[in-house]
C-alpha cells in the first residue's frame, strides 16, 4: 500500500522509451521510395488522382512497371503492352511514366500518342494534376514547368524537356521525343 504523497514506480518498458516516428522523416522515406521505385510512384499518382480509393497492385501491373523501368534505364527500346480496356495501361504508360521520367530527367522529351484527341487531352490533364501536386513536388523538387509554353497538349519544363500529347489523327512533325 502506498502512502499519500508517495510516488509509485512503474516497471520501465524499453518500448516506452522509443519516440514515436517523426512525421517529416516518414514523409522523406515515402518520397524516397517514390523516387526510387516506380510501383510506389504509381500508387502515389493513383492516390493523387483518386483520393480515398485504393489501388490493388496486381502482379501484371508490377510486370508493366518493371518493363517501363527497363525502358527508363535504357535496357529496352521497344515495348508494347496488349491489355484489355480498363486495366490501367493508359494511366501507367501515358500519365505516371512520363511524370516519373521527367522527374528523373527534366530534359527528356516525351511524346504520348492516344487513339483520340479527347483522350490525349484528358491524359495530359491527369499528368498536369500529378506534377502540380505538393506530393509530386516533394518527390521531384527539381522539375519546374515553364510559364512560357504550357498548353493543353504540351507541357514544357524550364530545363527544355516536355510532354507532348497528340492523337493518331493529329499531326506530329517537328518535335523529336
N, C-alpha and C. Protein backbone atom coordinates (compact mmCIF):
# COMPACT_ATOMS: atom_id res chain seq x y z
N UNK A 1 0.84 -1.17 0.00
CA UNK A 1 0.00 0.00 0.00
C UNK A 1 0.89 1.23 0.00
N UNK A 2 0.50 2.23 -0.78
CA UNK A 2 1.29 3.45 -0.85
C UNK A 2 0.74 4.49 0.10
N UNK A 3 1.65 5.28 0.59
CA UNK A 3 1.25 6.37 1.47
C UNK A 3 0.88 7.56 0.62
N UNK A 4 0.03 8.45 1.12
CA UNK A 4 -0.25 9.67 0.37
C UNK A 4 1.06 10.42 0.11
N UNK A 5 1.12 11.09 -0.97
CA UNK A 5 2.27 11.87 -1.41
C UNK A 5 3.47 10.99 -1.77
N UNK A 6 3.31 9.69 -1.81
CA UNK A 6 4.41 8.81 -2.20
C UNK A 6 4.17 8.36 -3.64
N UNK A 7 5.17 8.46 -4.45
CA UNK A 7 5.04 8.08 -5.86
C UNK A 7 5.23 6.58 -6.02
N UNK A 8 4.46 6.05 -6.91
CA UNK A 8 4.66 4.64 -7.24
C UNK A 8 5.57 4.56 -8.44
N UNK A 9 6.38 3.58 -8.47
CA UNK A 9 7.25 3.40 -9.62
C UNK A 9 6.71 2.29 -10.49
N UNK A 10 6.72 2.54 -11.76
CA UNK A 10 6.27 1.53 -12.71
C UNK A 10 7.49 0.85 -13.32
N UNK A 11 7.34 -0.41 -13.63
CA UNK A 11 8.47 -1.04 -14.31
C UNK A 11 8.69 -0.36 -15.66
N UNK A 12 9.92 -0.16 -16.00
CA UNK A 12 10.20 0.52 -17.27
C UNK A 12 10.09 -0.47 -18.41
N UNK A 13 9.43 -0.02 -19.43
CA UNK A 13 9.26 -0.80 -20.65
C UNK A 13 10.18 -0.20 -21.70
N UNK A 14 11.12 -0.98 -22.25
CA UNK A 14 12.04 -0.39 -23.23
C UNK A 14 11.32 0.24 -24.41
N UNK A 15 10.19 -0.30 -24.81
CA UNK A 15 9.45 0.27 -25.94
C UNK A 15 8.90 1.64 -25.61
N UNK A 16 8.61 1.90 -24.34
CA UNK A 16 8.04 3.20 -23.98
C UNK A 16 9.07 4.30 -24.09
N UNK A 17 10.36 3.93 -24.10
CA UNK A 17 11.39 4.95 -24.24
C UNK A 17 11.61 5.36 -25.70
N UNK A 18 11.09 4.58 -26.61
CA UNK A 18 11.22 4.93 -28.02
C UNK A 18 10.27 6.06 -28.37
N UNK A 19 10.78 6.98 -29.10
CA UNK A 19 9.92 8.08 -29.53
C UNK A 19 9.08 7.65 -30.72
N UNK A 20 7.87 8.20 -30.82
CA UNK A 20 7.08 7.87 -31.99
C UNK A 20 7.78 8.39 -33.25
N UNK A 21 7.51 7.76 -34.39
CA UNK A 21 8.16 8.20 -35.63
C UNK A 21 7.86 9.67 -35.88
N UNK A 22 8.84 10.35 -36.36
CA UNK A 22 8.72 11.76 -36.66
C UNK A 22 8.09 11.92 -38.04
N UNK A 23 7.05 12.72 -38.15
CA UNK A 23 6.31 12.86 -39.41
C UNK A 23 7.19 13.28 -40.58
N UNK A 24 8.10 14.26 -40.43
CA UNK A 24 8.93 14.62 -41.58
C UNK A 24 9.82 13.47 -42.06
N UNK A 25 10.30 12.63 -41.15
CA UNK A 25 11.15 11.52 -41.60
C UNK A 25 10.33 10.48 -42.35
N UNK A 26 9.08 10.30 -41.97
CA UNK A 26 8.19 9.38 -42.70
C UNK A 26 7.94 9.94 -44.10
N UNK A 27 7.67 11.24 -44.19
CA UNK A 27 7.44 11.86 -45.50
C UNK A 27 8.66 11.74 -46.38
N UNK A 28 9.83 11.94 -45.81
CA UNK A 28 11.07 11.81 -46.60
C UNK A 28 11.25 10.37 -47.08
N UNK A 29 10.93 9.40 -46.23
CA UNK A 29 11.06 7.99 -46.62
C UNK A 29 10.09 7.65 -47.74
N UNK A 30 8.87 8.15 -47.64
CA UNK A 30 7.88 7.90 -48.71
C UNK A 30 8.33 8.55 -50.01
N UNK A 31 8.81 9.78 -49.93
CA UNK A 31 9.28 10.48 -51.13
C UNK A 31 10.43 9.72 -51.76
N UNK A 32 11.35 9.23 -50.95
CA UNK A 32 12.49 8.48 -51.48
C UNK A 32 12.03 7.17 -52.12
N UNK A 33 11.05 6.50 -51.51
CA UNK A 33 10.51 5.27 -52.10
C UNK A 33 9.89 5.57 -53.46
N UNK A 34 9.14 6.66 -53.57
CA UNK A 34 8.51 7.01 -54.85
C UNK A 34 9.55 7.43 -55.89
N UNK A 35 10.64 8.03 -55.45
CA UNK A 35 11.69 8.46 -56.37
C UNK A 35 12.46 7.25 -56.92
N UNK A 36 12.63 6.21 -56.11
CA UNK A 36 13.44 5.06 -56.50
C UNK A 36 12.65 3.89 -57.06
N UNK A 37 11.37 3.79 -56.74
CA UNK A 37 10.58 2.62 -57.10
C UNK A 37 9.34 3.05 -57.88
N UNK A 38 9.25 2.64 -59.12
CA UNK A 38 8.14 3.05 -59.98
C UNK A 38 6.80 2.54 -59.46
N UNK A 39 6.75 1.37 -58.86
CA UNK A 39 5.49 0.84 -58.32
C UNK A 39 4.97 1.76 -57.21
N UNK A 40 5.85 2.19 -56.32
CA UNK A 40 5.45 3.13 -55.27
C UNK A 40 4.97 4.45 -55.87
N UNK A 41 5.66 4.88 -56.92
CA UNK A 41 5.27 6.12 -57.60
C UNK A 41 3.88 5.98 -58.25
N UNK A 42 3.61 4.84 -58.86
CA UNK A 42 2.29 4.60 -59.46
C UNK A 42 1.21 4.71 -58.40
N UNK A 43 1.46 4.11 -57.25
CA UNK A 43 0.47 4.16 -56.16
C UNK A 43 0.24 5.60 -55.69
N UNK A 44 1.31 6.39 -55.61
CA UNK A 44 1.17 7.79 -55.22
C UNK A 44 0.33 8.56 -56.26
N UNK A 45 0.63 8.34 -57.53
CA UNK A 45 -0.11 9.03 -58.60
C UNK A 45 -1.59 8.66 -58.57
N UNK A 46 -1.88 7.39 -58.37
CA UNK A 46 -3.27 6.94 -58.29
C UNK A 46 -3.98 7.64 -57.14
N UNK A 47 -3.29 7.75 -56.01
CA UNK A 47 -3.88 8.42 -54.84
C UNK A 47 -4.12 9.90 -55.10
N UNK A 48 -3.23 10.54 -55.86
CA UNK A 48 -3.41 11.96 -56.19
C UNK A 48 -4.65 12.14 -57.06
N UNK A 49 -4.82 11.27 -58.04
CA UNK A 49 -5.95 11.40 -58.97
C UNK A 49 -7.26 10.86 -58.39
N UNK A 50 -7.16 9.89 -57.49
CA UNK A 50 -8.36 9.25 -56.92
C UNK A 50 -8.24 9.18 -55.40
N UNK A 51 -8.30 10.34 -54.73
CA UNK A 51 -8.12 10.31 -53.27
C UNK A 51 -9.18 9.45 -52.59
N UNK A 52 -8.74 8.70 -51.62
CA UNK A 52 -9.65 7.84 -50.86
C UNK A 52 -9.87 6.47 -51.46
N UNK A 53 -9.42 6.27 -52.70
CA UNK A 53 -9.55 4.95 -53.32
C UNK A 53 -8.21 4.24 -53.24
N UNK A 54 -8.28 2.93 -53.16
CA UNK A 54 -7.08 2.13 -53.02
C UNK A 54 -6.75 1.43 -54.33
N UNK A 55 -5.49 1.43 -54.70
CA UNK A 55 -5.04 0.72 -55.89
C UNK A 55 -4.44 -0.61 -55.45
N UNK A 56 -5.04 -1.68 -55.89
CA UNK A 56 -4.51 -3.01 -55.61
C UNK A 56 -3.52 -3.34 -56.72
N UNK A 57 -2.26 -3.47 -56.36
CA UNK A 57 -1.22 -3.73 -57.35
C UNK A 57 -1.22 -5.20 -57.74
N UNK A 58 -1.94 -5.50 -58.79
CA UNK A 58 -1.95 -6.87 -59.32
C UNK A 58 -0.57 -7.18 -59.91
N UNK A 59 -0.27 -8.45 -60.02
CA UNK A 59 1.06 -8.84 -60.49
C UNK A 59 1.35 -8.33 -61.90
N UNK A 60 0.35 -8.24 -62.76
CA UNK A 60 0.60 -7.76 -64.12
C UNK A 60 1.00 -6.28 -64.10
N UNK A 61 0.50 -5.50 -63.12
CA UNK A 61 0.89 -4.09 -63.02
C UNK A 61 2.37 -3.97 -62.63
N UNK A 62 2.81 -4.87 -61.79
CA UNK A 62 4.22 -4.87 -61.42
C UNK A 62 5.10 -5.26 -62.60
N UNK A 63 4.62 -6.15 -63.44
CA UNK A 63 5.36 -6.53 -64.65
C UNK A 63 5.44 -5.33 -65.60
N UNK A 64 4.32 -4.63 -65.80
CA UNK A 64 4.31 -3.44 -66.63
C UNK A 64 5.31 -2.42 -66.09
N UNK A 65 5.26 -2.17 -64.78
CA UNK A 65 6.18 -1.21 -64.15
C UNK A 65 7.63 -1.63 -64.35
N UNK A 66 7.91 -2.91 -64.19
CA UNK A 66 9.29 -3.39 -64.37
C UNK A 66 9.78 -3.15 -65.79
N UNK A 67 8.93 -3.44 -66.77
CA UNK A 67 9.33 -3.23 -68.17
C UNK A 67 9.55 -1.75 -68.47
N UNK A 68 8.73 -0.89 -67.90
CA UNK A 68 8.92 0.55 -68.11
C UNK A 68 10.19 1.05 -67.43
N UNK A 69 10.53 0.49 -66.29
CA UNK A 69 11.80 0.84 -65.65
C UNK A 69 12.98 0.42 -66.52
N UNK A 70 12.84 -0.70 -67.24
CA UNK A 70 13.89 -1.14 -68.16
C UNK A 70 14.05 -0.13 -69.30
N UNK A 71 12.93 0.43 -69.76
CA UNK A 71 12.98 1.46 -70.80
C UNK A 71 13.71 2.69 -70.27
N UNK A 72 13.34 3.12 -69.08
CA UNK A 72 13.97 4.30 -68.48
C UNK A 72 15.48 4.09 -68.30
N UNK A 73 15.88 2.89 -67.94
CA UNK A 73 17.29 2.59 -67.73
C UNK A 73 18.06 2.42 -69.05
N UNK A 74 17.33 2.41 -70.18
CA UNK A 74 17.98 2.27 -71.47
C UNK A 74 18.26 0.82 -71.87
N UNK A 75 17.75 -0.13 -71.12
CA UNK A 75 17.97 -1.54 -71.43
C UNK A 75 16.93 -2.10 -72.40
N UNK A 76 15.92 -1.31 -72.71
CA UNK A 76 14.88 -1.73 -73.65
C UNK A 76 14.44 -0.50 -74.45
N UNK A 77 14.29 -0.67 -75.76
CA UNK A 77 13.83 0.47 -76.55
C UNK A 77 12.62 0.12 -77.43
N UNK A 78 12.11 -1.07 -77.28
CA UNK A 78 10.90 -1.48 -77.99
C UNK A 78 10.01 -2.22 -77.01
N UNK A 79 8.79 -1.71 -76.87
CA UNK A 79 7.90 -2.29 -75.88
C UNK A 79 6.46 -2.07 -76.30
N UNK A 80 5.66 -3.09 -76.17
CA UNK A 80 4.24 -2.99 -76.49
C UNK A 80 3.46 -3.76 -75.44
N UNK A 81 2.39 -3.15 -74.95
CA UNK A 81 1.51 -3.82 -73.99
C UNK A 81 0.19 -4.12 -74.68
N UNK A 82 -0.28 -5.32 -74.55
CA UNK A 82 -1.59 -5.71 -75.06
C UNK A 82 -2.44 -6.14 -73.87
N UNK A 83 -3.24 -5.22 -73.39
CA UNK A 83 -4.12 -5.48 -72.25
C UNK A 83 -5.53 -5.03 -72.61
N UNK A 84 -6.53 -5.65 -72.02
CA UNK A 84 -7.91 -5.22 -72.29
C UNK A 84 -8.16 -3.81 -71.76
N UNK A 85 -9.24 -3.19 -72.20
CA UNK A 85 -9.60 -1.87 -71.66
C UNK A 85 -9.81 -1.94 -70.16
N UNK A 86 -9.55 -0.81 -69.49
CA UNK A 86 -9.78 -0.64 -68.04
C UNK A 86 -8.78 -1.42 -67.19
N UNK A 87 -7.59 -1.68 -67.72
CA UNK A 87 -6.55 -2.36 -66.96
C UNK A 87 -5.40 -1.43 -66.58
N UNK A 88 -5.64 -0.12 -66.63
CA UNK A 88 -4.73 0.93 -66.19
C UNK A 88 -3.51 1.15 -67.08
N UNK A 89 -3.52 0.63 -68.29
CA UNK A 89 -2.35 0.81 -69.14
C UNK A 89 -2.15 2.27 -69.54
N UNK A 90 -3.22 2.99 -69.84
CA UNK A 90 -3.08 4.41 -70.21
C UNK A 90 -2.61 5.23 -69.02
N UNK A 91 -3.17 4.96 -67.85
CA UNK A 91 -2.76 5.68 -66.65
C UNK A 91 -1.27 5.46 -66.38
N UNK A 92 -0.82 4.22 -66.46
CA UNK A 92 0.58 3.93 -66.13
C UNK A 92 1.52 4.44 -67.21
N UNK A 93 1.21 4.16 -68.48
CA UNK A 93 2.16 4.48 -69.55
C UNK A 93 2.08 5.93 -70.03
N UNK A 94 0.91 6.55 -69.96
CA UNK A 94 0.74 7.89 -70.52
C UNK A 94 0.67 8.99 -69.48
N UNK A 95 0.47 8.63 -68.22
CA UNK A 95 0.37 9.65 -67.16
C UNK A 95 1.51 9.48 -66.16
N UNK A 96 1.54 8.33 -65.47
CA UNK A 96 2.53 8.13 -64.41
C UNK A 96 3.96 8.03 -64.96
N UNK A 97 4.15 7.26 -66.01
CA UNK A 97 5.50 7.06 -66.53
C UNK A 97 6.13 8.37 -67.04
N UNK A 98 5.43 9.18 -67.84
CA UNK A 98 6.05 10.45 -68.23
C UNK A 98 6.38 11.36 -67.03
N UNK A 99 5.53 11.33 -66.01
CA UNK A 99 5.82 12.13 -64.81
C UNK A 99 7.07 11.60 -64.11
N UNK A 100 7.24 10.30 -64.08
CA UNK A 100 8.41 9.67 -63.47
C UNK A 100 9.67 9.98 -64.29
N UNK A 101 9.56 9.87 -65.59
CA UNK A 101 10.70 10.14 -66.48
C UNK A 101 11.16 11.58 -66.32
N UNK A 102 10.22 12.53 -66.43
CA UNK A 102 10.59 13.94 -66.33
C UNK A 102 11.04 14.32 -64.93
N UNK A 103 10.54 13.62 -63.93
CA UNK A 103 11.02 13.86 -62.57
C UNK A 103 12.49 13.49 -62.43
N UNK A 104 12.88 12.40 -63.06
CA UNK A 104 14.28 11.97 -63.01
C UNK A 104 15.17 12.79 -63.93
N UNK A 105 14.63 13.20 -65.06
CA UNK A 105 15.43 13.97 -66.02
C UNK A 105 14.53 14.99 -66.73
N UNK A 106 14.47 16.22 -66.22
CA UNK A 106 13.58 17.24 -66.80
C UNK A 106 13.97 17.69 -68.20
N UNK A 107 15.06 17.15 -68.76
CA UNK A 107 15.43 17.49 -70.14
C UNK A 107 14.86 16.48 -71.14
N UNK A 108 14.26 15.40 -70.67
CA UNK A 108 13.70 14.38 -71.57
C UNK A 108 12.52 14.95 -72.35
N UNK A 109 12.34 14.40 -73.55
CA UNK A 109 11.22 14.81 -74.40
C UNK A 109 10.32 13.59 -74.59
N UNK A 110 9.09 13.70 -74.09
CA UNK A 110 8.16 12.57 -74.10
C UNK A 110 6.97 12.92 -74.98
N UNK A 111 6.68 12.06 -75.94
CA UNK A 111 5.51 12.23 -76.81
C UNK A 111 4.55 11.09 -76.49
N UNK A 112 3.31 11.46 -76.17
CA UNK A 112 2.28 10.47 -75.83
C UNK A 112 1.21 10.53 -76.92
N UNK A 113 1.02 9.42 -77.61
CA UNK A 113 0.04 9.35 -78.70
C UNK A 113 -1.13 8.48 -78.24
N UNK A 114 -2.32 9.03 -78.32
CA UNK A 114 -3.54 8.31 -77.95
C UNK A 114 -4.41 8.11 -79.18
N UNK A 115 -5.41 7.25 -79.08
CA UNK A 115 -6.25 6.98 -80.25
C UNK A 115 -7.15 8.14 -80.61
N UNK A 116 -7.47 9.01 -79.67
CA UNK A 116 -8.34 10.15 -79.96
C UNK A 116 -7.86 11.40 -79.24
N UNK A 117 -8.20 12.55 -79.78
CA UNK A 117 -7.73 13.82 -79.21
C UNK A 117 -8.34 14.08 -77.83
N UNK A 118 -9.58 13.67 -77.59
CA UNK A 118 -10.18 13.87 -76.26
C UNK A 118 -9.43 13.08 -75.20
N UNK A 119 -9.07 11.84 -75.51
CA UNK A 119 -8.31 11.04 -74.56
C UNK A 119 -6.92 11.65 -74.35
N UNK A 120 -6.30 12.12 -75.41
CA UNK A 120 -4.97 12.73 -75.29
C UNK A 120 -5.00 13.92 -74.33
N UNK A 121 -6.02 14.76 -74.45
CA UNK A 121 -6.16 15.93 -73.58
C UNK A 121 -6.47 15.51 -72.15
N UNK A 122 -7.34 14.51 -71.99
CA UNK A 122 -7.68 14.02 -70.66
C UNK A 122 -6.46 13.47 -69.93
N UNK A 123 -5.65 12.69 -70.63
CA UNK A 123 -4.43 12.14 -70.02
C UNK A 123 -3.42 13.25 -69.72
N UNK A 124 -3.35 14.25 -70.58
CA UNK A 124 -2.46 15.39 -70.33
C UNK A 124 -2.91 16.15 -69.08
N UNK A 125 -4.21 16.29 -68.90
CA UNK A 125 -4.72 16.96 -67.70
C UNK A 125 -4.42 16.17 -66.43
N UNK A 126 -4.52 14.84 -66.51
CA UNK A 126 -4.15 14.00 -65.36
C UNK A 126 -2.66 14.15 -65.05
N UNK A 127 -1.85 14.16 -66.09
CA UNK A 127 -0.41 14.36 -65.92
C UNK A 127 -0.14 15.71 -65.24
N UNK A 128 -0.79 16.74 -65.72
CA UNK A 128 -0.62 18.09 -65.17
C UNK A 128 -1.03 18.13 -63.69
N UNK A 129 -2.13 17.46 -63.36
CA UNK A 129 -2.60 17.43 -61.97
C UNK A 129 -1.57 16.76 -61.07
N UNK A 130 -0.95 15.70 -61.56
CA UNK A 130 0.07 15.00 -60.76
C UNK A 130 1.30 15.87 -60.54
N UNK A 131 1.86 16.43 -61.61
CA UNK A 131 3.10 17.18 -61.46
C UNK A 131 2.90 18.51 -60.75
N UNK A 132 1.65 18.95 -60.64
CA UNK A 132 1.36 20.19 -59.92
C UNK A 132 1.08 19.95 -58.44
N UNK A 133 0.97 18.70 -58.05
CA UNK A 133 0.61 18.38 -56.66
C UNK A 133 1.80 18.58 -55.72
N UNK A 134 1.52 18.96 -54.48
CA UNK A 134 2.60 19.09 -53.50
C UNK A 134 3.34 17.77 -53.25
N UNK A 135 2.64 16.65 -53.33
CA UNK A 135 3.30 15.36 -53.11
C UNK A 135 4.33 15.08 -54.20
N UNK A 136 3.98 15.36 -55.46
CA UNK A 136 4.94 15.17 -56.55
C UNK A 136 6.14 16.09 -56.36
N UNK A 137 5.87 17.34 -56.01
CA UNK A 137 6.95 18.30 -55.82
C UNK A 137 7.88 17.91 -54.69
N UNK A 138 7.37 17.19 -53.69
CA UNK A 138 8.25 16.71 -52.62
C UNK A 138 9.11 15.55 -53.09
N UNK A 139 8.63 14.79 -54.07
CA UNK A 139 9.40 13.67 -54.61
C UNK A 139 10.42 14.16 -55.63
N UNK A 140 10.00 15.06 -56.51
CA UNK A 140 10.87 15.58 -57.57
C UNK A 140 10.87 17.12 -57.53
N UNK A 141 11.57 17.70 -56.57
CA UNK A 141 11.56 19.17 -56.46
C UNK A 141 12.27 19.87 -57.61
N UNK A 142 13.09 19.16 -58.37
CA UNK A 142 13.85 19.78 -59.45
C UNK A 142 13.04 20.04 -60.71
N UNK A 143 11.86 19.45 -60.84
CA UNK A 143 11.06 19.65 -62.05
C UNK A 143 10.27 20.95 -61.93
N UNK A 144 10.53 21.86 -62.85
CA UNK A 144 9.82 23.13 -62.88
C UNK A 144 9.16 23.28 -64.25
N UNK A 145 7.90 23.66 -64.26
CA UNK A 145 7.16 23.84 -65.51
C UNK A 145 7.36 25.26 -66.02
N UNK A 146 7.62 25.38 -67.29
CA UNK A 146 7.82 26.67 -67.91
C UNK A 146 6.52 27.46 -67.95
N UNK A 147 6.59 28.71 -67.62
CA UNK A 147 5.41 29.57 -67.71
C UNK A 147 5.23 30.11 -69.13
N UNK A 148 6.27 29.98 -69.94
CA UNK A 148 6.22 30.49 -71.31
C UNK A 148 5.42 29.57 -72.21
N UNK A 149 5.67 28.27 -72.13
CA UNK A 149 4.97 27.32 -73.00
C UNK A 149 4.32 26.24 -72.15
N UNK A 150 3.02 26.34 -71.96
CA UNK A 150 2.27 25.36 -71.19
C UNK A 150 0.85 25.38 -71.76
N UNK A 151 0.59 24.47 -72.68
CA UNK A 151 -0.70 24.45 -73.37
C UNK A 151 -1.47 23.21 -72.96
N UNK A 152 -2.66 23.07 -73.54
CA UNK A 152 -3.50 21.91 -73.25
C UNK A 152 -2.81 20.60 -73.62
N UNK A 153 -2.04 20.62 -74.69
CA UNK A 153 -1.42 19.38 -75.16
C UNK A 153 0.09 19.32 -74.93
N UNK A 154 0.70 20.41 -74.55
CA UNK A 154 2.15 20.41 -74.36
C UNK A 154 2.52 21.07 -73.04
N UNK A 155 3.34 20.36 -72.28
CA UNK A 155 3.84 20.87 -71.00
C UNK A 155 5.36 20.86 -71.11
N UNK A 156 5.97 22.03 -71.00
CA UNK A 156 7.40 22.18 -71.19
C UNK A 156 8.05 22.48 -69.84
N UNK A 157 9.21 21.87 -69.60
CA UNK A 157 9.95 22.14 -68.37
C UNK A 157 10.89 23.32 -68.59
N UNK A 158 11.34 23.93 -67.51
CA UNK A 158 12.30 25.03 -67.63
C UNK A 158 13.66 24.52 -68.09
N UNK A 159 13.88 23.21 -68.02
CA UNK A 159 15.14 22.62 -68.46
C UNK A 159 15.11 22.16 -69.91
N UNK A 160 14.01 22.42 -70.62
CA UNK A 160 13.94 22.10 -72.04
C UNK A 160 13.25 20.80 -72.39
N UNK A 161 12.86 20.02 -71.41
CA UNK A 161 12.11 18.79 -71.69
C UNK A 161 10.64 19.10 -71.87
N UNK A 162 9.88 18.09 -72.28
CA UNK A 162 8.44 18.31 -72.45
C UNK A 162 7.68 17.00 -72.46
N UNK A 163 6.36 17.14 -72.31
CA UNK A 163 5.41 16.04 -72.55
C UNK A 163 4.43 16.58 -73.56
N UNK A 164 4.41 15.98 -74.73
CA UNK A 164 3.53 16.40 -75.81
C UNK A 164 2.46 15.35 -76.02
N UNK A 165 1.20 15.77 -76.02
CA UNK A 165 0.08 14.86 -76.24
C UNK A 165 -0.50 15.09 -77.62
N UNK A 166 -0.72 13.99 -78.33
CA UNK A 166 -1.36 14.07 -79.63
C UNK A 166 -2.17 12.79 -79.83
N UNK A 167 -2.86 12.73 -80.96
CA UNK A 167 -3.65 11.54 -81.27
C UNK A 167 -3.19 10.98 -82.61
N UNK A 168 -3.68 9.80 -82.93
CA UNK A 168 -3.27 9.16 -84.18
C UNK A 168 -3.73 9.97 -85.39
N UNK A 169 -4.81 10.72 -85.22
CA UNK A 169 -5.23 11.54 -86.37
C UNK A 169 -4.61 12.94 -86.33
N UNK A 170 -3.88 13.26 -85.26
CA UNK A 170 -3.23 14.56 -85.13
C UNK A 170 -1.88 14.58 -85.84
N UNK A 171 -1.39 15.77 -86.05
CA UNK A 171 -0.10 15.94 -86.72
C UNK A 171 1.03 15.80 -85.70
N UNK A 172 2.11 15.22 -86.16
CA UNK A 172 3.29 15.09 -85.32
C UNK A 172 4.53 15.21 -86.19
N UNK A 173 4.82 16.44 -86.55
CA UNK A 173 6.05 16.69 -87.29
C UNK A 173 6.84 17.75 -86.53
N UNK A 174 8.12 17.64 -86.59
CA UNK A 174 8.98 18.62 -85.92
C UNK A 174 9.58 18.12 -84.64
N UNK A 175 8.79 18.01 -83.57
CA UNK A 175 9.43 17.64 -82.28
C UNK A 175 9.90 16.20 -82.28
N UNK A 176 11.05 16.00 -81.69
CA UNK A 176 11.57 14.64 -81.52
C UNK A 176 11.47 14.27 -80.07
N UNK A 177 11.10 13.03 -79.82
CA UNK A 177 10.95 12.59 -78.44
C UNK A 177 11.46 11.19 -78.26
